Amino acid sequence: MPESISPLRPAEAQRLLHALVDALDGALSCRRGAIELAVMTIAAGGHLLLEDVPGIGKTTLARALAGAVRARASRIQFTPDMLPSDLTGVTVFDQSAKSFTFHPGPLFAQVVLADEINRANPKTQAALLEAMGEGHVTVDGKTYRLPRPFMVIATQNPIEMEGTYPLPEAQLDRFMCRVSLGYPDAEAEARMLMAPSGRDPASGLAPVCTTDELRALAGAAANVHVAPAVASYAVALLDATRTSPLTRLGASPRAGLALLAMSRVRALARGQKAVFPGDIRAMAPTVLTHRIVFTDPQATSAAPSHQAELLEHILADVPAPRRR
C-alpha cells in the first residue's frame, strides 16, 4: 500500500462520512449518535473502545464497522489464558529450509476486532499496547511492521468483573474514543425483535469504501484549520482535568491530539472549513473521560455516564473563546 494518499476534497469527505453512518444506521439497531462517534473515530485514524452492558450489540457494531470498509479484518476473542504469541504470531523452525519462518498472528490485519479485551492477562495486553501505540510488534527480538491503516475496535463489559483484568491507564490512553451504545429506542428494538431469528444484521452490509479512501478521508480531516485561540481552548480543557480536585490523573498530551483529531472530523462532517470551540467541547466527553483517573475510587469504577457527568462538572467553568 502506498505510504502517501492524496486527501479527499472536503465535499467528498463529507459525503463519505455520511454514507458510512447511513449504511450502519440502516443495518443496526444502535443509536445513531453512537454510530456517528464510532465512524468519526475510524475516520480520524484512531482506535475505538466500545464499552457497555452485555447484549447491546457492541460486537455487531465492531464487525459492521470492519465490513463497511473493504479491509483485511480479523477477530480475536480474548481469554485469560491467551498468550502474546496468540496475537503477534510465532517463529517456527523450518526443517527443510534449515531456517526460522515467521507466521503472522491475527494482529496483522487492517481492522482488528478485539472482543472482551479486558479478559486478556496483562502480558497479552502489553503486546497489544505495543501494536496500538507503535504500529508494529516484536517477536523473538525482531520487529515486524503492521499493515496500514491499522485500527483496533475493542469491546468490554464493565459489569462482568470475574476473570477480567482492568485495562491500565496507559492502554486506555491508546484508544482515541470510548463509546457507550446505550439501549436502542423502542421502535428500533421492536424492529430487531421482528427480524428473522438468527439473522446477523451486519451480514448484508456492503462495503462503503476502501482503506485507501478511508486514509484519504483522514487526510481531508487533518487539513481542517484550527485557529490558535481554538487550540488554546483545547489546552485549557486539558489543564482543567489536571488541576481539578476531582481528579488524580488528568488527560495526557496524547488526549489533546485525539481531541483535535476528532474535532476536525466533526467539523468536516458539518461542512465547516475550520474547527470551532463548540466542536472541541462536543468531543471532550468521548475523548477525555476514559483517560482520567478520578480522586474518588468509586468514580473511577463507575459507569461511563457517571464519569461523563463528573467531567462536565470539571469543564463547565472553562470559558470558550469569543468570535472576533
Protein backbone atom coordinates (compact mmCIF):
# COMPACT_ATOMS: atom_id res chain seq x y z
CA MET A 1 0.00 0.00 0.00
CA PRO A 2 1.38 3.42 -0.83
CA GLU A 3 2.64 5.46 2.08
CA SER A 4 1.17 8.70 0.73
CA ILE A 5 -2.51 9.11 -0.15
CA SER A 6 -3.93 12.34 -1.55
CA PRO A 7 -6.66 13.70 0.75
CA LEU A 8 -10.26 13.87 -0.41
CA ARG A 9 -11.85 17.18 -1.18
CA PRO A 10 -13.94 18.45 1.76
CA ALA A 11 -17.28 17.87 -0.01
CA GLU A 12 -16.27 14.33 -0.99
CA ALA A 13 -15.08 13.60 2.54
CA GLN A 14 -18.35 14.88 3.98
CA ARG A 15 -20.36 12.66 1.63
CA LEU A 16 -18.28 9.61 2.54
CA LEU A 17 -18.70 10.24 6.27
CA HIS A 18 -22.47 10.49 5.88
CA ALA A 19 -22.56 7.40 3.64
CA LEU A 20 -20.76 5.33 6.28
CA VAL A 21 -23.10 6.49 9.03
CA ASP A 22 -26.22 5.94 6.90
CA ALA A 23 -25.13 2.42 5.91
CA LEU A 24 -24.54 1.38 9.50
CA ASP A 25 -27.65 3.12 10.78
CA GLY A 26 -29.76 1.28 8.22
CA ALA A 27 -28.40 -2.11 9.23
CA LEU A 28 -28.09 -1.83 13.02
CA SER A 29 -30.36 -1.03 15.94
CA CYS A 30 -27.81 1.19 17.73
CA ARG A 31 -28.43 4.85 18.46
CA ARG A 32 -27.38 6.99 15.51
CA GLY A 33 -25.30 9.21 17.79
CA ALA A 34 -23.19 6.25 18.88
CA ILE A 35 -22.72 5.16 15.25
CA GLU A 36 -21.61 8.68 14.31
CA LEU A 37 -18.99 8.71 17.07
CA ALA A 38 -17.71 5.28 16.03
CA VAL A 39 -17.41 6.31 12.36
CA MET A 40 -15.71 9.57 13.30
CA THR A 41 -13.14 7.64 15.34
CA ILE A 42 -12.09 5.36 12.49
CA ALA A 43 -12.16 8.33 10.11
CA ALA A 44 -9.69 10.08 12.41
CA GLY A 45 -7.44 7.01 12.26
CA GLY A 46 -7.90 6.15 15.93
CA HIS A 47 -8.61 3.05 17.97
CA LEU A 48 -12.14 2.63 19.36
CA LEU A 49 -13.29 1.15 22.67
CA LEU A 50 -16.94 0.06 22.84
CA GLU A 51 -18.00 -0.33 26.46
CA ASP A 52 -21.47 -1.17 27.71
CA VAL A 53 -23.57 -3.87 29.31
CA PRO A 54 -23.86 -7.30 27.59
CA GLY A 55 -26.28 -7.81 24.72
CA ILE A 56 -26.29 -4.22 23.47
CA GLY A 57 -24.63 -5.02 20.14
CA LYS A 58 -21.02 -3.97 20.71
CA THR A 59 -19.53 -6.87 18.75
CA THR A 60 -22.11 -6.45 15.97
CA LEU A 61 -21.20 -2.77 15.60
CA ALA A 62 -17.49 -3.62 15.60
CA ARG A 63 -17.99 -6.20 12.82
CA ALA A 64 -20.22 -3.81 10.88
CA LEU A 65 -17.57 -1.08 11.05
CA ALA A 66 -14.99 -3.51 9.68
CA GLY A 67 -17.42 -4.65 6.99
CA ALA A 68 -18.20 -1.09 5.90
CA VAL A 69 -14.54 -0.67 4.96
CA ARG A 70 -13.14 -3.06 2.35
CA ALA A 71 -10.27 -4.08 4.59
CA ARG A 72 -8.46 -7.15 5.85
CA ALA A 73 -10.14 -7.83 9.17
CA SER A 74 -9.57 -10.28 11.99
CA ARG A 75 -11.48 -11.05 15.15
CA ILE A 76 -9.84 -12.07 18.42
CA GLN A 77 -11.86 -13.48 21.31
CA PHE A 78 -9.78 -12.60 24.36
CA THR A 79 -9.48 -15.12 27.19
CA PRO A 80 -7.45 -15.20 30.43
CA ASP A 81 -5.16 -17.98 29.14
CA MET A 82 -4.23 -16.14 25.93
CA LEU A 83 -0.51 -15.63 25.23
CA PRO A 84 1.12 -12.67 23.43
CA SER A 85 2.10 -15.04 20.60
CA ASP A 86 -1.61 -15.74 20.03
CA LEU A 87 -1.81 -12.12 18.87
CA THR A 88 1.54 -11.39 17.31
CA GLY A 89 2.38 -14.73 15.72
CA VAL A 90 5.25 -17.17 16.19
CA THR A 91 8.62 -18.02 14.67
CA VAL A 92 8.82 -21.68 13.61
CA PHE A 93 11.89 -23.61 12.54
CA ASP A 94 11.54 -24.99 9.00
CA GLN A 95 13.32 -28.34 8.88
CA SER A 96 13.56 -28.46 5.10
CA ALA A 97 14.88 -24.90 4.71
CA LYS A 98 17.03 -25.09 7.87
CA SER A 99 15.80 -21.63 8.86
CA PHE A 100 13.22 -19.90 11.02
CA THR A 101 9.99 -18.67 9.44
CA PHE A 102 7.67 -16.10 10.99
CA HIS A 103 3.95 -16.90 10.93
CA PRO A 104 1.96 -13.68 11.50
CA GLY A 105 -0.85 -13.66 14.05
CA PRO A 106 -4.29 -12.01 13.86
CA LEU A 107 -2.83 -8.56 14.63
CA PHE A 108 -1.57 -8.46 11.04
CA ALA A 109 -4.85 -7.08 9.74
CA GLN A 110 -6.04 -3.60 8.94
CA VAL A 111 -9.06 -3.77 11.25
CA VAL A 112 -8.70 -5.90 14.39
CA LEU A 113 -11.82 -6.72 16.39
CA ALA A 114 -10.73 -7.31 19.97
CA ASP A 115 -13.73 -8.88 21.69
CA GLU A 116 -13.87 -8.65 25.50
CA ILE A 117 -10.41 -7.16 25.63
CA ASN A 118 -10.36 -6.95 29.43
CA ARG A 119 -10.39 -10.75 29.69
CA ALA A 120 -6.78 -10.93 28.46
CA ASN A 121 -3.97 -11.11 31.02
CA PRO A 122 -1.60 -8.13 31.47
CA LYS A 123 1.20 -9.76 29.46
CA THR A 124 -1.03 -10.18 26.44
CA GLN A 125 -2.42 -6.68 26.89
CA ALA A 126 1.17 -5.38 26.77
CA ALA A 127 1.66 -6.97 23.33
CA LEU A 128 -1.49 -5.26 22.10
CA LEU A 129 -0.30 -1.99 23.66
CA GLU A 130 2.85 -2.02 21.50
CA ALA A 131 0.81 -2.69 18.38
CA MET A 132 -1.67 0.11 19.11
CA GLY A 133 0.94 2.66 20.12
CA GLU A 134 3.78 1.89 17.72
CA GLY A 135 2.16 0.20 14.72
CA HIS A 136 4.48 -2.81 14.95
CA VAL A 137 5.12 -5.93 17.02
CA THR A 138 8.34 -7.53 18.25
CA VAL A 139 8.76 -11.30 18.13
CA ASP A 140 12.00 -13.01 19.17
CA GLY A 141 13.84 -9.72 19.07
CA LYS A 142 12.75 -8.85 15.54
CA THR A 143 10.31 -6.03 14.73
CA TYR A 144 7.52 -6.50 12.19
CA ARG A 145 5.55 -3.57 10.79
CA LEU A 146 1.78 -3.87 10.86
CA PRO A 147 -0.32 -3.01 7.79
CA ARG A 148 -1.68 0.48 7.22
CA PRO A 149 -4.17 1.59 8.20
CA PHE A 150 -4.21 -0.31 11.49
CA MET A 151 -7.22 0.08 13.75
CA VAL A 152 -8.30 -1.78 16.86
CA ILE A 153 -12.03 -1.87 17.64
CA ALA A 154 -12.31 -3.37 21.11
CA THR A 155 -15.28 -4.29 23.29
CA GLN A 156 -15.58 -4.83 27.01
CA ASN A 157 -18.40 -5.40 29.50
CA PRO A 158 -17.77 -3.24 32.58
CA ILE A 159 -20.14 -5.18 34.86
CA GLU A 160 -18.52 -8.58 34.31
CA MET A 161 -15.54 -8.46 36.68
CA GLU A 162 -14.90 -12.17 37.31
CA GLY A 163 -11.98 -13.39 35.21
CA THR A 164 -11.16 -9.91 33.90
CA TYR A 165 -8.12 -7.67 34.06
CA PRO A 166 -8.94 -3.95 34.05
CA LEU A 167 -7.14 -2.10 31.27
CA PRO A 168 -4.29 0.03 32.65
CA GLU A 169 -4.34 3.77 32.13
CA ALA A 170 -1.54 3.54 29.56
CA GLN A 171 -3.61 1.26 27.35
CA LEU A 172 -6.84 3.20 27.79
CA ASP A 173 -4.91 6.25 26.60
CA ARG A 174 -4.23 4.46 23.30
CA PHE A 175 -7.95 4.45 22.49
CA MET A 176 -8.96 7.66 20.77
CA CYS A 177 -12.57 7.34 21.95
CA ARG A 178 -14.71 5.30 24.28
CA VAL A 179 -18.30 4.94 23.13
CA SER A 180 -21.23 3.54 25.07
CA LEU A 181 -24.06 2.34 22.84
CA GLY A 182 -26.94 2.51 25.30
CA TYR A 183 -30.22 0.69 24.84
CA PRO A 184 -31.98 1.12 21.46
CA ASP A 185 -35.20 3.10 21.35
CA ALA A 186 -38.48 1.20 21.45
CA GLU A 187 -39.08 1.35 17.68
CA ALA A 188 -35.57 0.09 16.80
CA GLU A 189 -35.78 -2.69 19.38
CA ALA A 190 -39.17 -3.78 18.04
CA ARG A 191 -37.73 -4.00 14.51
CA MET A 192 -34.87 -6.08 15.86
CA LEU A 193 -37.29 -8.49 17.59
CA MET A 194 -39.39 -8.88 14.43
CA ALA A 195 -36.36 -9.76 12.28
CA PRO A 196 -35.84 -13.44 11.38
CA SER A 197 -34.24 -15.38 14.21
CA GLY A 198 -30.52 -15.91 13.89
CA ARG A 199 -30.08 -13.22 11.23
CA ASP A 200 -26.87 -11.24 11.53
CA PRO A 201 -27.74 -7.58 10.90
CA ALA A 202 -24.20 -6.91 9.67
CA SER A 203 -24.15 -9.79 7.17
CA GLY A 204 -25.87 -7.89 4.37
CA LEU A 205 -23.82 -4.73 4.79
CA ALA A 206 -21.89 -3.96 1.60
CA PRO A 207 -18.52 -2.15 1.83
CA VAL A 208 -18.90 1.59 1.53
CA CYS A 209 -15.25 2.49 0.92
CA THR A 210 -11.75 1.08 0.63
CA THR A 211 -8.91 1.53 3.11
CA ASP A 212 -7.25 3.98 0.72
CA GLU A 213 -10.42 6.07 0.69
CA LEU A 214 -10.51 5.91 4.47
CA ARG A 215 -6.93 7.18 4.62
CA ALA A 216 -7.83 9.92 2.14
CA LEU A 217 -10.74 10.84 4.39
CA ALA A 218 -8.39 11.09 7.36
CA GLY A 219 -6.12 13.30 5.24
CA ALA A 220 -9.01 15.65 4.49
CA ALA A 221 -9.83 15.90 8.20
CA ALA A 222 -6.20 16.61 9.07
CA ASN A 223 -6.30 19.66 6.77
CA VAL A 224 -9.23 21.32 8.58
CA HIS A 225 -7.98 24.62 10.01
CA VAL A 226 -7.54 25.11 13.76
CA ALA A 227 -7.08 28.72 14.93
CA PRO A 228 -4.62 29.45 17.77
CA ALA A 229 -7.46 30.55 20.05
CA VAL A 230 -9.29 27.26 19.49
CA ALA A 231 -6.13 25.26 20.19
CA SER A 232 -5.63 27.27 23.38
CA TYR A 233 -9.21 26.44 24.39
CA ALA A 234 -8.45 22.73 23.96
CA VAL A 235 -5.36 23.13 26.16
CA ALA A 236 -7.46 24.91 28.79
CA LEU A 237 -9.87 21.96 28.87
CA LEU A 238 -6.97 19.53 29.28
CA ASP A 239 -5.49 21.66 32.05
CA ALA A 240 -8.82 21.70 33.88
CA THR A 241 -8.73 17.91 34.11
CA ARG A 242 -5.20 18.06 35.52
CA THR A 243 -5.81 20.67 38.20
CA SER A 244 -9.28 19.69 39.40
CA PRO A 245 -9.59 18.28 42.94
CA LEU A 246 -11.91 15.66 41.45
CA THR A 247 -9.06 14.02 39.52
CA ARG A 248 -5.90 12.18 40.50
CA LEU A 249 -4.62 11.94 36.92
CA GLY A 250 -5.68 14.32 34.17
CA ALA A 251 -5.73 13.99 30.40
CA SER A 252 -2.39 13.47 28.65
CA PRO A 253 -0.96 15.44 25.71
CA ARG A 254 -1.94 12.46 23.56
CA ALA A 255 -5.50 13.15 24.65
CA GLY A 256 -5.14 16.66 23.25
CA LEU A 257 -4.05 15.30 19.87
CA ALA A 258 -7.03 12.92 19.88
CA LEU A 259 -9.38 15.75 20.85
CA LEU A 260 -8.23 17.88 17.92
CA ALA A 261 -8.38 14.92 15.52
CA MET A 262 -11.98 14.15 16.46
CA SER A 263 -12.94 17.83 16.38
CA ARG A 264 -11.54 18.14 12.86
CA VAL A 265 -13.64 15.17 11.70
CA ARG A 266 -16.73 16.67 13.33
CA ALA A 267 -16.11 19.98 11.59
CA LEU A 268 -15.65 18.15 8.28
CA ALA A 269 -18.90 16.24 8.74
CA ARG A 270 -20.73 19.51 9.38
CA GLY A 271 -19.29 21.17 6.27
CA GLN A 272 -17.11 23.63 8.19
CA LYS A 273 -13.77 24.92 6.95
CA ALA A 274 -12.40 25.31 10.48
CA VAL A 275 -12.78 23.84 13.96
CA PHE A 276 -14.98 25.89 16.28
CA PRO A 277 -14.86 25.84 20.10
CA GLY A 278 -18.21 24.01 20.03
CA ASP A 279 -16.56 21.11 18.19
CA ILE A 280 -13.88 20.85 20.86
CA ARG A 281 -16.44 20.96 23.65
CA ALA A 282 -18.72 18.41 21.98
CA MET A 283 -15.91 15.88 21.54
CA ALA A 284 -14.40 16.30 25.02
CA PRO A 285 -16.55 13.72 26.90
CA THR A 286 -15.98 10.93 24.37
CA VAL A 287 -12.24 11.60 24.09
CA LEU A 288 -11.29 12.51 27.65
CA THR A 289 -13.48 10.60 30.12
CA HIS A 290 -11.75 7.22 29.87
CA ARG A 291 -8.32 8.85 30.18
CA ILE A 292 -8.97 10.42 33.58
CA VAL A 293 -8.37 8.82 36.97
CA PHE A 294 -10.76 10.34 39.46
CA THR A 295 -9.86 11.02 43.08
CA ASP A 296 -12.84 9.01 44.30
CA PRO A 297 -12.15 5.29 43.65
CA GLN A 298 -15.87 4.66 43.20
CA ALA A 299 -15.97 7.26 40.43
CA THR A 300 -13.09 5.58 38.61
CA SER A 301 -15.02 2.31 38.51
CA ALA A 302 -18.41 3.94 37.89
CA ALA A 303 -20.46 3.75 34.72
CA PRO A 304 -19.22 5.87 31.77
CA SER A 305 -22.32 8.06 32.05
CA HIS A 306 -21.48 8.99 35.65
CA GLN A 307 -17.86 9.68 34.74
CA ALA A 308 -19.04 11.91 31.89
CA GLU A 309 -21.16 13.88 34.37
CA LEU A 310 -18.09 14.45 36.56
CA LEU A 311 -16.11 15.59 33.53
CA GLU A 312 -18.88 18.01 32.57
CA HIS A 313 -18.65 19.49 36.07
CA ILE A 314 -14.88 19.92 35.66
CA LEU A 315 -15.11 21.57 32.23
CA ALA A 316 -18.13 23.76 32.93
CA ASP A 317 -16.10 26.71 34.20
CA VAL A 318 -13.65 26.83 31.29
CA PRO A 319 -14.65 29.83 29.13
CA ALA A 320 -14.78 29.37 25.37
CA PRO A 321 -13.06 31.97 23.17
CA ARG A 322 -15.29 34.58 21.62
CA ARG A 323 -15.54 35.06 17.89
CA ARG A 324 -13.94 38.21 16.56
